[in-house]
Amino acid sequence: MSLRIQVTTIVGILLADGWHNVMPETLDLDAYELFDDKLPLHLGGQGGVCPTGATWQEEEGDIWLSAPLTSILAVREKI
């Protein structure tokens, strides 16, 4: 059995610091890479870390959040 989560209907993401309201049209899931200026610090898939992450714009304004997919505890969907 698997859980079916429709990405386009997600309106909230629970991280360790609490719920974050998401603008659904901005949510994107993809591989992530961390950079320091122009030098790569962590390329997706290295170091035994899940390279998939999520990025989205907060509903409250001009704030963007990005997080490894493994840090998402739950999602809230609008049906």
N, C-alpha and C. Protein backbone atom coordinates (compact mmCIF):
# COMPACT_ATOMS: atom_id res chain seq x y z
N MET A 1 0.83 -1.17 0.00
CA MET A 1 0.00 0.00 0.00
C MET A 1 0.88 1.24 0.00
N SER A 2 0.46 2.26 -0.68
CA SER A 2 1.18 3.52 -0.67
C SER A 2 0.19 4.66 -0.43
N LEU A 3 0.72 5.78 -0.01
CA LEU A 3 -0.10 6.97 0.20
C LEU A 3 -0.06 7.80 -1.07
N ARG A 4 -1.21 8.19 -1.56
CA ARG A 4 -1.25 9.04 -2.75
C ARG A 4 -1.40 10.48 -2.29
N ILE A 5 -0.38 11.28 -2.59
CA ILE A 5 -0.39 12.69 -2.23
C ILE A 5 -0.30 13.49 -3.52
N GLN A 6 -1.32 14.28 -3.78
CA GLN A 6 -1.35 15.12 -4.98
C GLN A 6 -0.59 16.40 -4.69
N VAL A 7 0.58 16.57 -5.27
CA VAL A 7 1.46 17.70 -4.98
C VAL A 7 0.78 19.04 -5.23
N THR A 8 -0.06 19.12 -6.23
CA THR A 8 -0.69 20.41 -6.57
C THR A 8 -1.77 20.84 -5.59
N THR A 9 -2.15 19.95 -4.64
CA THR A 9 -3.16 20.33 -3.65
C THR A 9 -2.59 20.53 -2.25
N ILE A 10 -1.26 20.47 -2.11
CA ILE A 10 -0.63 20.66 -0.81
C ILE A 10 -0.68 22.14 -0.43
N VAL A 11 -1.25 22.42 0.75
CA VAL A 11 -1.35 23.80 1.24
C VAL A 11 -0.56 24.01 2.54
N GLY A 12 -0.05 22.93 3.12
CA GLY A 12 0.73 23.04 4.34
C GLY A 12 1.75 21.94 4.43
N ILE A 13 2.92 22.27 4.97
CA ILE A 13 3.99 21.29 5.18
C ILE A 13 4.45 21.40 6.62
N LEU A 14 4.52 20.27 7.29
CA LEU A 14 4.97 20.23 8.68
C LEU A 14 6.45 19.90 8.73
N LEU A 15 7.22 20.85 9.28
CA LEU A 15 8.64 20.64 9.55
C LEU A 15 8.81 20.60 11.07
N ALA A 16 10.01 20.37 11.54
CA ALA A 16 10.26 20.26 12.98
C ALA A 16 9.84 21.52 13.74
N ASP A 17 9.86 22.68 13.08
CA ASP A 17 9.49 23.93 13.77
C ASP A 17 8.02 24.28 13.66
N GLY A 18 7.21 23.43 13.03
CA GLY A 18 5.78 23.67 12.94
C GLY A 18 5.28 23.67 11.51
N TRP A 19 4.00 24.04 11.36
CA TRP A 19 3.35 24.04 10.05
C TRP A 19 3.76 25.28 9.25
N HIS A 20 3.93 25.08 7.95
CA HIS A 20 4.23 26.16 7.02
C HIS A 20 3.15 26.18 5.95
N ASN A 21 2.52 27.34 5.74
CA ASN A 21 1.49 27.49 4.72
C ASN A 21 2.16 27.67 3.36
N VAL A 22 1.73 26.87 2.40
CA VAL A 22 2.37 26.80 1.09
C VAL A 22 1.47 27.41 0.02
N MET A 23 2.05 28.18 -0.88
CA MET A 23 1.34 28.58 -2.09
C MET A 23 1.51 27.39 -3.05
N PRO A 24 0.44 26.60 -3.27
CA PRO A 24 0.56 25.32 -3.99
C PRO A 24 1.23 25.42 -5.35
N GLU A 25 1.01 26.51 -6.07
CA GLU A 25 1.59 26.62 -7.41
C GLU A 25 3.11 26.80 -7.39
N THR A 26 3.69 27.07 -6.20
CA THR A 26 5.14 27.27 -6.11
C THR A 26 5.88 26.04 -5.63
N LEU A 27 5.18 25.01 -5.16
CA LEU A 27 5.83 23.82 -4.62
C LEU A 27 6.52 23.04 -5.71
N ASP A 28 7.80 22.73 -5.48
CA ASP A 28 8.58 21.97 -6.46
C ASP A 28 9.41 20.93 -5.72
N LEU A 29 9.45 19.72 -6.25
CA LEU A 29 10.26 18.65 -5.71
C LEU A 29 11.32 18.30 -6.75
N ASP A 30 12.59 18.24 -6.31
CA ASP A 30 13.67 17.96 -7.25
C ASP A 30 14.94 17.65 -6.46
N ALA A 31 15.97 17.27 -7.18
CA ALA A 31 17.28 17.07 -6.55
C ALA A 31 17.81 18.43 -6.11
N TYR A 32 18.56 18.45 -5.01
CA TYR A 32 19.12 19.71 -4.54
C TYR A 32 20.63 19.62 -4.45
N GLU A 33 21.26 20.77 -4.54
CA GLU A 33 22.70 20.90 -4.38
C GLU A 33 22.96 22.13 -3.54
N LEU A 34 23.92 22.05 -2.62
CA LEU A 34 24.26 23.18 -1.76
C LEU A 34 25.55 23.83 -2.27
N PHE A 35 25.54 25.15 -2.34
CA PHE A 35 26.70 25.89 -2.85
C PHE A 35 27.14 26.95 -1.85
N ASP A 36 28.43 27.24 -1.84
CA ASP A 36 29.01 28.35 -1.10
C ASP A 36 29.55 29.30 -2.15
N ASP A 37 28.85 30.39 -2.36
CA ASP A 37 29.15 31.31 -3.45
C ASP A 37 28.98 30.53 -4.76
N LYS A 38 30.04 30.16 -5.43
CA LYS A 38 29.92 29.41 -6.68
C LYS A 38 30.51 28.01 -6.57
N LEU A 39 31.01 27.65 -5.40
CA LEU A 39 31.64 26.34 -5.21
C LEU A 39 30.64 25.35 -4.63
N PRO A 40 30.52 24.17 -5.23
CA PRO A 40 29.58 23.18 -4.68
C PRO A 40 30.09 22.60 -3.36
N LEU A 41 29.21 22.56 -2.36
CA LEU A 41 29.52 21.94 -1.07
C LEU A 41 28.95 20.53 -0.99
N HIS A 42 27.80 20.34 -1.58
CA HIS A 42 27.12 19.04 -1.56
C HIS A 42 26.33 18.90 -2.84
N LEU A 43 26.74 17.97 -3.68
CA LEU A 43 26.00 17.70 -4.90
C LEU A 43 25.02 16.59 -4.62
N GLY A 44 23.85 16.66 -5.19
CA GLY A 44 22.81 15.67 -4.95
C GLY A 44 23.31 14.25 -5.08
N GLY A 45 23.01 13.42 -4.11
CA GLY A 45 23.37 12.02 -4.16
C GLY A 45 24.68 11.66 -3.49
N GLN A 46 25.46 12.63 -3.08
CA GLN A 46 26.73 12.32 -2.43
C GLN A 46 26.56 12.21 -0.92
N GLY A 47 27.43 11.50 -0.29
CA GLY A 47 27.46 11.42 1.17
C GLY A 47 26.35 10.60 1.79
N GLY A 48 25.66 9.77 1.02
CA GLY A 48 24.62 8.92 1.56
C GLY A 48 23.38 9.67 2.00
N VAL A 49 23.20 10.90 1.54
CA VAL A 49 22.04 11.71 1.91
C VAL A 49 21.05 11.72 0.75
N CYS A 50 19.78 11.59 1.06
CA CYS A 50 18.75 11.65 0.03
C CYS A 50 18.87 12.96 -0.73
N PRO A 51 19.06 12.94 -2.06
CA PRO A 51 19.27 14.17 -2.80
C PRO A 51 17.98 14.89 -3.19
N THR A 52 16.83 14.37 -2.78
CA THR A 52 15.57 14.99 -3.17
C THR A 52 15.16 16.02 -2.12
N GLY A 53 14.74 17.17 -2.60
CA GLY A 53 14.31 18.23 -1.71
C GLY A 53 13.04 18.89 -2.20
N ALA A 54 12.52 19.77 -1.39
CA ALA A 54 11.31 20.53 -1.73
C ALA A 54 11.61 22.00 -1.54
N THR A 55 11.01 22.82 -2.38
CA THR A 55 11.11 24.26 -2.23
C THR A 55 9.73 24.85 -2.50
N TRP A 56 9.37 25.90 -1.76
CA TRP A 56 8.05 26.52 -1.93
C TRP A 56 8.07 27.94 -1.39
N GLN A 57 7.08 28.71 -1.83
CA GLN A 57 6.90 30.07 -1.32
C GLN A 57 5.86 30.03 -0.22
N GLU A 58 6.18 30.72 0.88
CA GLU A 58 5.24 30.81 1.98
C GLU A 58 4.04 31.64 1.56
N GLU A 59 2.88 31.29 2.06
CA GLU A 59 1.64 31.99 1.73
C GLU A 59 1.66 33.44 2.25
N GLU A 60 2.39 33.70 3.32
CA GLU A 60 2.38 35.00 3.98
C GLU A 60 3.15 36.08 3.24
N GLY A 61 3.94 35.76 2.23
CA GLY A 61 4.67 36.83 1.57
C GLY A 61 5.83 36.36 0.75
N ASP A 62 6.88 37.15 0.78
CA ASP A 62 8.02 36.94 -0.09
C ASP A 62 9.09 36.05 0.58
N ILE A 63 8.67 34.95 1.17
CA ILE A 63 9.60 34.04 1.84
C ILE A 63 9.58 32.70 1.10
N TRP A 64 10.76 32.22 0.75
CA TRP A 64 10.91 30.90 0.12
C TRP A 64 11.61 29.98 1.10
N LEU A 65 11.14 28.75 1.19
CA LEU A 65 11.78 27.74 2.03
C LEU A 65 12.21 26.58 1.14
N SER A 66 13.31 25.97 1.52
CA SER A 66 13.79 24.76 0.87
C SER A 66 14.21 23.80 1.96
N ALA A 67 13.94 22.51 1.75
CA ALA A 67 14.27 21.51 2.76
C ALA A 67 14.46 20.15 2.10
N PRO A 68 15.32 19.31 2.69
CA PRO A 68 15.40 17.94 2.20
C PRO A 68 14.04 17.26 2.38
N LEU A 69 13.69 16.41 1.46
CA LEU A 69 12.40 15.71 1.53
C LEU A 69 12.28 14.92 2.84
N THR A 70 13.40 14.43 3.35
CA THR A 70 13.38 13.64 4.58
C THR A 70 13.02 14.45 5.81
N SER A 71 13.03 15.80 5.72
CA SER A 71 12.68 16.63 6.89
C SER A 71 11.19 16.93 6.96
N ILE A 72 10.42 16.55 5.93
CA ILE A 72 8.99 16.78 5.93
C ILE A 72 8.30 15.71 6.76
N LEU A 73 7.57 16.14 7.80
CA LEU A 73 6.91 15.22 8.71
C LEU A 73 5.49 14.88 8.27
N ALA A 74 4.82 15.84 7.63
CA ALA A 74 3.44 15.63 7.18
C ALA A 74 3.10 16.73 6.18
N VAL A 75 2.05 16.49 5.40
CA VAL A 75 1.54 17.51 4.49
C VAL A 75 0.05 17.67 4.71
N ARG A 76 -0.45 18.86 4.43
CA ARG A 76 -1.87 19.16 4.52
C ARG A 76 -2.34 19.47 3.11
N GLU A 77 -3.43 18.81 2.68
CA GLU A 77 -3.94 19.00 1.33
C GLU A 77 -5.30 19.69 1.35
N LYS A 78 -5.55 20.48 0.32
CA LYS A 78 -6.87 21.07 0.10
C LYS A 78 -7.56 20.20 -0.94
N ILE A 79 -8.69 19.64 -0.57
CA ILE A 79 -9.38 18.70 -1.46
C ILE A 79 -10.61 19.36 -2.04
